[in-house]
C-alpha atoms as a PDB file:
ATOM      1  CA  MET A   1       0.000   0.000   0.000  1.00  0.00           C
ATOM      2  CA  PHE A   2       2.516   2.605   1.208  1.00  0.00           C
ATOM      3  CA  PRO A   3       6.285   2.469   1.064  1.00  0.00           C
ATOM      4  CA  PHE A   4       7.680   2.737   4.546  1.00  0.00           C
ATOM      5  CA  ALA A   5      10.913   4.147   5.862  1.00  0.00           C
ATOM      6  CA  PRO A   6      13.678   1.578   6.305  1.00  0.00           C
ATOM      7  CA  ALA A   7      15.391   1.174   9.649  1.00  0.00           C
ATOM      8  CA  THR A   8      17.529   4.190  10.361  1.00  0.00           C
ATOM      9  CA  GLN A   9      21.261   3.861   9.951  1.00  0.00           C
ATOM     10  CA  ALA A  10      23.989   5.988  11.476  1.00  0.00           C
ATOM     11  CA  LYS A  11      24.829   8.911   9.208  1.00  0.00           C
ATOM     12  CA  SER A  12      27.735  11.257   9.182  1.00  0.00           C
ATOM     13  CA  PRO A  13      26.931  14.807  10.350  1.00  0.00           C
ATOM     14  CA  ALA A  14      27.235  16.018   6.741  1.00  0.00           C
ATOM     15  CA  GLU A  15      24.718  13.426   5.506  1.00  0.00           C
ATOM     16  CA  ALA A  16      22.345  14.207   8.361  1.00  0.00           C
ATOM     17  CA  ALA A  17      22.393  17.910   7.440  1.00  0.00           C
ATOM     18  CA  VAL A  18      21.555  17.168   3.783  1.00  0.00           C
ATOM     19  CA  THR A  19      19.125  14.268   4.167  1.00  0.00           C
ATOM     20  CA  PRO A  20      15.769  15.003   5.833  1.00  0.00           C
ATOM     21  CA  PRO A  21      14.607  12.517   8.459  1.00  0.00           C
ATOM     22  CA  ALA A  22      12.580   9.638   7.026  1.00  0.00           C
ATOM     23  CA  SER A  23       9.534  10.673   9.053  1.00  0.00           C
ATOM     24  CA  GLU A  24       9.324  13.891   7.023  1.00  0.00           C
ATOM     25  CA  SER A  25       8.854  12.034   3.774  1.00  0.00           C
ATOM     26  CA  ARG A  26       7.422   8.669   4.788  1.00  0.00           C
ATOM     27  CA  LEU A  27       5.032   7.296   7.334  1.00  0.00           C
ATOM     28  CA  GLU A  28       6.554   5.340  10.157  1.00  0.00           C
ATOM     29  CA  SER A  29       3.897   2.636  10.366  1.00  0.00           C
ATOM     30  CA  ARG A  30       1.151   0.952   8.459  1.00  0.00           C
ATOM     31  CA  LEU A  31      -1.289   2.028  11.188  1.00  0.00           C
ATOM     32  CA  ALA A  32      -0.446   5.703  10.578  1.00  0.00           C
ATOM     33  CA  GLY A  33      -1.154   5.238   6.867  1.00  0.00           C
ATOM     34  CA  ARG A  34      -4.495   3.601   7.585  1.00  0.00           C
ATOM     35  CA  VAL A  35      -5.428   6.446   9.964  1.00  0.00           C
ATOM     36  CA  LEU A  36      -4.624   9.028   7.279  1.00  0.00           C
ATOM     37  CA  LEU A  37      -6.723   7.176   4.716  1.00  0.00           C
ATOM     38  CA  LEU A  38      -9.684   6.997   7.102  1.00  0.00           C
ATOM     39  CA  LEU A  39      -9.419  10.698   7.923  1.00  0.00           C
ATOM     40  CA  ARG A  40      -9.356  11.535   4.222  1.00  0.00           C
ATOM     41  CA  GLU A  41     -13.002  10.402   4.144  1.00  0.00           C
ATOM     42  CA  SER A  42     -14.254  12.258   7.249  1.00  0.00           C
ATOM     43  CA  GLU A  43     -13.384  13.609  10.681  1.00  0.00           C
ATOM     44  CA  MET A  44     -13.266  10.920  13.380  1.00  0.00           C
ATOM     45  CA  GLY A  45     -12.561  10.547  17.067  1.00  0.00           C
ATOM     46  CA  LYS A  46     -10.174   7.942  18.473  1.00  0.00           C
ATOM     47  CA  ALA A  47     -12.986   5.489  19.240  1.00  0.00           C
ATOM     48  CA  GLY A  48     -14.350   5.856  15.704  1.00  0.00           C
ATOM     49  CA  LEU A  49     -10.905   5.301  14.226  1.00  0.00           C
ATOM     50  CA  ALA A  50     -10.397   2.209  16.375  1.00  0.00           C
ATOM     51  CA  ALA A  51     -13.752   0.792  15.269  1.00  0.00           C
ATOM     52  CA  ALA A  52     -13.055   1.548  11.602  1.00  0.00           C
ATOM     53  CA  LEU A  53      -9.699  -0.210  11.957  1.00  0.00           C
ATOM     54  CA  GLY A  54     -11.433  -3.281  13.379  1.00  0.00           C
ATOM     55  CA  HIS A  55     -10.175  -2.805  16.942  1.00  0.00           C
ATOM     56  CA  ALA A  56     -12.420  -3.352  19.964  1.00  0.00           C
ATOM     57  CA  THR A  57     -10.827  -0.488  21.908  1.00  0.00           C
ATOM     58  CA  VAL A  58      -8.380   2.363  21.405  1.00  0.00           C
ATOM     59  CA  SER A  59      -4.910   0.831  21.729  1.00  0.00           C
ATOM     60  CA  GLY A  60      -1.760   2.472  23.028  1.00  0.00           C
ATOM     61  CA  GLU A  61      -0.268   2.192  19.550  1.00  0.00           C
ATOM     62  CA  LEU A  62      -3.223   4.103  18.059  1.00  0.00           C
ATOM     63  CA  HIS A  63      -2.771   6.850  20.692  1.00  0.00           C
ATOM     64  CA  LYS A  64       0.930   7.015  19.810  1.00  0.00           C
ATOM     65  CA  GLN A  65       0.365   7.223  16.047  1.00  0.00           C
ATOM     66  CA  ILE A  66      -2.304   9.915  16.411  1.00  0.00           C
ATOM     67  CA  ARG A  67       0.042  11.940  18.609  1.00  0.00           C
ATOM     68  CA  ARG A  68       2.859  11.563  16.028  1.00  0.00           C
ATOM     69  CA  LEU A  69       0.585  12.563  13.146  1.00  0.00           C
ATOM     70  CA  VAL A  70      -0.649  15.656  15.023  1.00  0.00           C
ATOM     71  CA  THR A  71       2.922  16.650  15.925  1.00  0.00           C
ATOM     72  CA  ALA A  72       4.029  16.197  12.302  1.00  0.00           C
ATOM     73  CA  GLY A  73       1.126  18.347  11.092  1.00  0.00           C
ATOM     74  CA  TYR A  74      -0.547  15.623   8.995  1.00  0.00           C
ATOM     75  CA  ILE A  75      -3.729  15.667  11.072  1.00  0.00           C
ATOM     76  CA  ALA A  76      -5.262  18.308  13.345  1.00  0.00           C
ATOM     77  CA  MET A  77      -7.626  18.338  16.290  1.00  0.00           C
ATOM     78  CA  THR A  78     -11.085  19.751  15.694  1.00  0.00           C
ATOM     79  CA  ILE A  79     -11.052  21.245  19.223  1.00  0.00           C
ATOM     80  CA  PRO A  80      -7.402  22.265  19.690  1.00  0.00           C
ATOM     81  CA  ASP A  81      -8.127  24.259  22.871  1.00  0.00           C
ATOM     82  CA  LYS A  82      -9.423  21.110  24.595  1.00  0.00           C
ATOM     83  CA  PRO A  83      -7.169  18.182  23.619  1.00  0.00           C
ATOM     84  CA  ASN A  84      -8.772  15.863  26.212  1.00  0.00           C
ATOM     85  CA  SER A  85     -12.379  16.618  25.298  1.00  0.00           C
ATOM     86  CA  ARG A  86     -14.612  13.577  24.864  1.00  0.00           C
ATOM     87  CA  LEU A  87     -15.900  15.302  21.719  1.00  0.00           C
ATOM     88  CA  GLN A  88     -12.400  15.611  20.217  1.00  0.00           C
ATOM     89  CA  LYS A  89     -12.092  14.528  16.612  1.00  0.00           C
ATOM     90  CA  TYR A  90      -9.259  14.592  14.128  1.00  0.00           C
ATOM     91  CA  ARG A  91      -9.173  15.806  10.536  1.00  0.00           C
ATOM     92  CA  LEU A  92      -6.676  15.492   7.722  1.00  0.00           C
ATOM     93  CA  THR A  93      -4.668  18.638   7.032  1.00  0.00           C
ATOM     94  CA  GLN A  94      -3.537  19.863   3.621  1.00  0.00           C
ATOM     95  CA  GLN A  95      -0.051  18.596   4.471  1.00  0.00           C
ATOM     96  CA  GLY A  96      -1.514  15.151   5.233  1.00  0.00           C
ATOM     97  CA  LEU A  97      -3.406  15.101   1.952  1.00  0.00           C
ATOM     98  CA  LEU A  98      -0.253  16.017   0.049  1.00  0.00           C
ATOM     99  CA  LEU A  99       1.622  13.208   1.837  1.00  0.00           C
ATOM    100  CA  ILE A 100      -1.028  10.649   0.856  1.00  0.00           C
ATOM    101  CA  GLU A 101      -0.906  11.793  -2.771  1.00  0.00           C
ATOM    102  CA  ALA A 102       2.906  11.715  -2.842  1.00  0.00           C
ATOM    103  CA  LEU A 103       3.063   8.230  -1.326  1.00  0.00           C
ATOM    104  CA  GLN A 104       0.431   6.916  -3.726  1.00  0.00           C
ATOM    105  CA  GLN A 105       2.333   8.337  -6.718  1.00  0.00           C
ATOM    106  CA  GLU A 106       5.567   6.873  -5.365  1.00  0.00           C
ATOM    107  CA  ALA A 107       3.921   3.473  -4.915  1.00  0.00           C
ATOM    108  CA  GLY A 108       2.508   3.652  -8.445  1.00  0.00           C
ATOM    109  CA  SER A 109       5.901   4.407  -9.988  1.00  0.00           C
END
């Protein structure tokens, strides 16, 4: 579905300065890719995402991936002033949409 970043290898300081981290160009997990694809369709809360993914409950890994995607700017909270609100949902950002399109083109090449 999506190409994923290979395991990181030690780089020289010069290489590190030139090469962006893999997380900037690729998703770190299959779960993160599935979350992005679900959010492309509509806004969802964590429980809705878990259900759509076929999980009975919200797992720690889902929490972690949502947090990473928000930090990276690929998804955004619908109620940013209240991150712990029971009504909190997540939506795909323009940056997230561009990432999906880029990864799909890369996979099609």
